[in-house]
Amino acid sequence: MPQPSRKQQQMMMRQLQEAQKMQEELEAKLQAEVIEASAGGGMVKVKISGALALQTIEIDPEAVDPDDVELLQDMVLAAVNEAIRAASERSAQAQQQLQASLLGPLAGQLGGLGL
């Protein structure tokens, strides 16, 4: 297997550094995003950050029934779980897009090296 030339090594190193920078930028962007989810026909709304930090919970006063607290608890739980699912899905999609954009140039370089 041929060894990569110094120029090829430098080019791959630059591409890896660029990939790392892009990964860091993506993570910062995702953490700054706010994802909203609701349950009970919008009676319970939650917002979480891309870093999965719960930011707000809004409960419509109509959802508060002292005789059925369990229903309210279920709606809050459902809204939080949906927000977490949506944030996780958004992160996974962004990671896939980043990988696809990075693997194209790197695959060409690695293929040229017989890897």
C-alpha atoms as a PDB file:
ATOM      1  CA  MET A   1       0.000   0.000   0.000  1.00  0.00           C
ATOM      2  CA  PRO A   2       1.546   3.334  -1.018  1.00  0.00           C
ATOM      3  CA  GLN A   3       2.234   5.904   1.666  1.00  0.00           C
ATOM      4  CA  PRO A   4       0.489   9.270   1.252  1.00  0.00           C
ATOM      5  CA  SER A   5       2.706  12.076   0.106  1.00  0.00           C
ATOM      6  CA  ARG A   6       3.478  14.959   2.447  1.00  0.00           C
ATOM      7  CA  LYS A   7       1.117  17.153   0.413  1.00  0.00           C
ATOM      8  CA  GLN A   8      -1.692  14.578   0.701  1.00  0.00           C
ATOM      9  CA  GLN A   9      -1.102  14.314   4.457  1.00  0.00           C
ATOM     10  CA  GLN A  10      -1.272  18.083   4.844  1.00  0.00           C
ATOM     11  CA  MET A  11      -4.454  18.260   2.762  1.00  0.00           C
ATOM     12  CA  MET A  12      -6.103  15.516   4.829  1.00  0.00           C
ATOM     13  CA  MET A  13      -5.038  17.252   8.043  1.00  0.00           C
ATOM     14  CA  ARG A  14      -6.606  20.518   6.843  1.00  0.00           C
ATOM     15  CA  GLN A  15      -9.803  18.696   5.908  1.00  0.00           C
ATOM     16  CA  LEU A  16      -9.950  17.022   9.326  1.00  0.00           C
ATOM     17  CA  GLN A  17      -9.413  20.376  11.060  1.00  0.00           C
ATOM     18  CA  GLU A  18     -12.170  21.894   8.929  1.00  0.00           C
ATOM     19  CA  ALA A  19     -14.438  18.962   9.791  1.00  0.00           C
ATOM     20  CA  GLN A  20     -13.771  19.496  13.484  1.00  0.00           C
ATOM     21  CA  LYS A  21     -14.563  23.196  13.162  1.00  0.00           C
ATOM     22  CA  MET A  22     -17.793  22.402  11.293  1.00  0.00           C
ATOM     23  CA  GLN A  23     -18.752  19.875  14.001  1.00  0.00           C
ATOM     24  CA  GLU A  24     -18.207  22.472  16.735  1.00  0.00           C
ATOM     25  CA  GLU A  25     -20.264  25.062  14.831  1.00  0.00           C
ATOM     26  CA  LEU A  26     -23.061  22.539  14.311  1.00  0.00           C
ATOM     27  CA  GLU A  27     -23.127  21.654  18.003  1.00  0.00           C
ATOM     28  CA  ALA A  28     -23.288  25.334  18.994  1.00  0.00           C
ATOM     29  CA  LYS A  29     -26.103  25.941  16.506  1.00  0.00           C
ATOM     30  CA  LEU A  30     -28.074  22.923  17.732  1.00  0.00           C
ATOM     31  CA  GLN A  31     -27.679  23.946  21.365  1.00  0.00           C
ATOM     32  CA  ALA A  32     -29.032  27.411  20.558  1.00  0.00           C
ATOM     33  CA  GLU A  33     -32.136  26.026  18.829  1.00  0.00           C
ATOM     34  CA  VAL A  34     -35.433  25.912  20.686  1.00  0.00           C
ATOM     35  CA  ILE A  35     -37.831  23.053  20.054  1.00  0.00           C
ATOM     36  CA  GLU A  36     -41.477  23.327  21.043  1.00  0.00           C
ATOM     37  CA  ALA A  37     -43.899  20.465  21.547  1.00  0.00           C
ATOM     38  CA  SER A  38     -47.417  20.198  22.897  1.00  0.00           C
ATOM     39  CA  ALA A  39     -49.914  17.670  24.191  1.00  0.00           C
ATOM     40  CA  GLY A  40     -53.589  17.588  24.970  1.00  0.00           C
ATOM     41  CA  GLY A  41     -54.511  19.582  21.884  1.00  0.00           C
ATOM     42  CA  GLY A  42     -52.118  22.370  22.871  1.00  0.00           C
ATOM     43  CA  MET A  43     -53.211  22.536  26.499  1.00  0.00           C
ATOM     44  CA  VAL A  44     -49.650  21.778  27.592  1.00  0.00           C
ATOM     45  CA  LYS A  45     -46.697  23.281  25.718  1.00  0.00           C
ATOM     46  CA  VAL A  46     -43.019  22.837  26.446  1.00  0.00           C
ATOM     47  CA  LYS A  47     -39.859  24.312  25.003  1.00  0.00           C
ATOM     48  CA  ILE A  48     -36.436  22.724  25.237  1.00  0.00           C
ATOM     49  CA  SER A  49     -33.069  23.724  23.896  1.00  0.00           C
ATOM     50  CA  GLY A  50     -31.111  21.637  21.432  1.00  0.00           C
ATOM     51  CA  ALA A  51     -28.971  20.692  24.425  1.00  0.00           C
ATOM     52  CA  LEU A  52     -32.122  19.083  25.884  1.00  0.00           C
ATOM     53  CA  ALA A  53     -32.492  21.668  28.661  1.00  0.00           C
ATOM     54  CA  LEU A  54     -36.141  22.235  29.525  1.00  0.00           C
ATOM     55  CA  GLN A  55     -36.818  25.954  29.160  1.00  0.00           C
ATOM     56  CA  THR A  56     -40.543  26.502  29.654  1.00  0.00           C
ATOM     57  CA  ILE A  57     -43.736  24.664  30.453  1.00  0.00           C
ATOM     58  CA  GLU A  58     -47.029  26.379  29.675  1.00  0.00           C
ATOM     59  CA  ILE A  59     -50.267  24.915  30.997  1.00  0.00           C
ATOM     60  CA  ASP A  60     -53.639  26.181  29.879  1.00  0.00           C
ATOM     61  CA  PRO A  61     -55.779  26.836  32.977  1.00  0.00           C
ATOM     62  CA  GLU A  62     -58.501  24.712  31.360  1.00  0.00           C
ATOM     63  CA  ALA A  63     -56.170  21.701  31.742  1.00  0.00           C
ATOM     64  CA  VAL A  64     -56.085  22.044  35.516  1.00  0.00           C
ATOM     65  CA  ASP A  65     -58.698  19.794  37.064  1.00  0.00           C
ATOM     66  CA  PRO A  66     -58.086  19.135  40.767  1.00  0.00           C
ATOM     67  CA  ASP A  67     -60.054  15.901  40.419  1.00  0.00           C
ATOM     68  CA  ASP A  68     -57.854  14.609  37.566  1.00  0.00           C
ATOM     69  CA  VAL A  69     -54.260  15.617  38.270  1.00  0.00           C
ATOM     70  CA  GLU A  70     -53.064  12.416  36.627  1.00  0.00           C
ATOM     71  CA  LEU A  71     -54.327  13.589  33.229  1.00  0.00           C
ATOM     72  CA  LEU A  72     -52.337  16.821  33.555  1.00  0.00           C
ATOM     73  CA  GLN A  73     -49.246  14.869  34.583  1.00  0.00           C
ATOM     74  CA  ASP A  74     -49.654  12.618  31.546  1.00  0.00           C
ATOM     75  CA  MET A  75     -49.964  15.634  29.216  1.00  0.00           C
ATOM     76  CA  VAL A  76     -46.823  17.255  30.655  1.00  0.00           C
ATOM     77  CA  LEU A  77     -44.926  14.000  30.329  1.00  0.00           C
ATOM     78  CA  ALA A  78     -46.121  13.512  26.747  1.00  0.00           C
ATOM     79  CA  ALA A  79     -45.146  17.062  25.746  1.00  0.00           C
ATOM     80  CA  VAL A  80     -41.676  16.791  27.299  1.00  0.00           C
ATOM     81  CA  ASN A  81     -41.044  13.403  25.688  1.00  0.00           C
ATOM     82  CA  GLU A  82     -42.158  14.719  22.286  1.00  0.00           C
ATOM     83  CA  ALA A  83     -39.848  17.730  22.595  1.00  0.00           C
ATOM     84  CA  ILE A  84     -36.907  15.471  23.497  1.00  0.00           C
ATOM     85  CA  ARG A  85     -37.709  13.179  20.568  1.00  0.00           C
ATOM     86  CA  ALA A  86     -37.925  16.117  18.150  1.00  0.00           C
ATOM     87  CA  ALA A  87     -34.664  17.639  19.408  1.00  0.00           C
ATOM     88  CA  SER A  88     -32.872  14.295  19.162  1.00  0.00           C
ATOM     89  CA  GLU A  89     -34.204  13.747  15.642  1.00  0.00           C
ATOM     90  CA  ARG A  90     -33.086  17.245  14.600  1.00  0.00           C
ATOM     91  CA  SER A  91     -29.611  16.580  15.975  1.00  0.00           C
ATOM     92  CA  ALA A  92     -29.356  13.214  14.191  1.00  0.00           C
ATOM     93  CA  GLN A  93     -30.425  14.773  10.874  1.00  0.00           C
ATOM     94  CA  ALA A  94     -27.886  17.568  11.238  1.00  0.00           C
ATOM     95  CA  GLN A  95     -25.132  15.055  12.046  1.00  0.00           C
ATOM     96  CA  GLN A  96     -26.024  12.997   8.962  1.00  0.00           C
ATOM     97  CA  GLN A  97     -25.899  16.084   6.756  1.00  0.00           C
ATOM     98  CA  LEU A  98     -22.526  17.061   8.194  1.00  0.00           C
ATOM     99  CA  GLN A  99     -21.134  13.570   7.686  1.00  0.00           C
ATOM    100  CA  ALA A 100     -22.386  13.466   4.106  1.00  0.00           C
ATOM    101  CA  SER A 101     -20.818  16.825   3.308  1.00  0.00           C
ATOM    102  CA  LEU A 102     -17.504  15.787   4.856  1.00  0.00           C
ATOM    103  CA  LEU A 103     -17.310  12.230   3.580  1.00  0.00           C
ATOM    104  CA  GLY A 104     -17.479  13.280  -0.054  1.00  0.00           C
ATOM    105  CA  PRO A 105     -14.084  15.061  -0.110  1.00  0.00           C
ATOM    106  CA  LEU A 106     -12.492  12.699   2.417  1.00  0.00           C
ATOM    107  CA  ALA A 107     -13.654   9.590   0.569  1.00  0.00           C
ATOM    108  CA  GLY A 108     -11.924  10.857  -2.546  1.00  0.00           C
ATOM    109  CA  GLN A 109      -8.699  11.422  -0.632  1.00  0.00           C
ATOM    110  CA  LEU A 110      -8.829   8.071   1.141  1.00  0.00           C
ATOM    111  CA  GLY A 111      -9.728   6.247  -2.060  1.00  0.00           C
ATOM    112  CA  GLY A 112      -6.706   7.781  -3.745  1.00  0.00           C
ATOM    113  CA  LEU A 113      -4.570   6.285  -1.006  1.00  0.00           C
ATOM    114  CA  GLY A 114      -5.936   2.809  -1.541  1.00  0.00           C
ATOM    115  CA  LEU A 115      -7.889   2.836   1.751  1.00  0.00           C
END
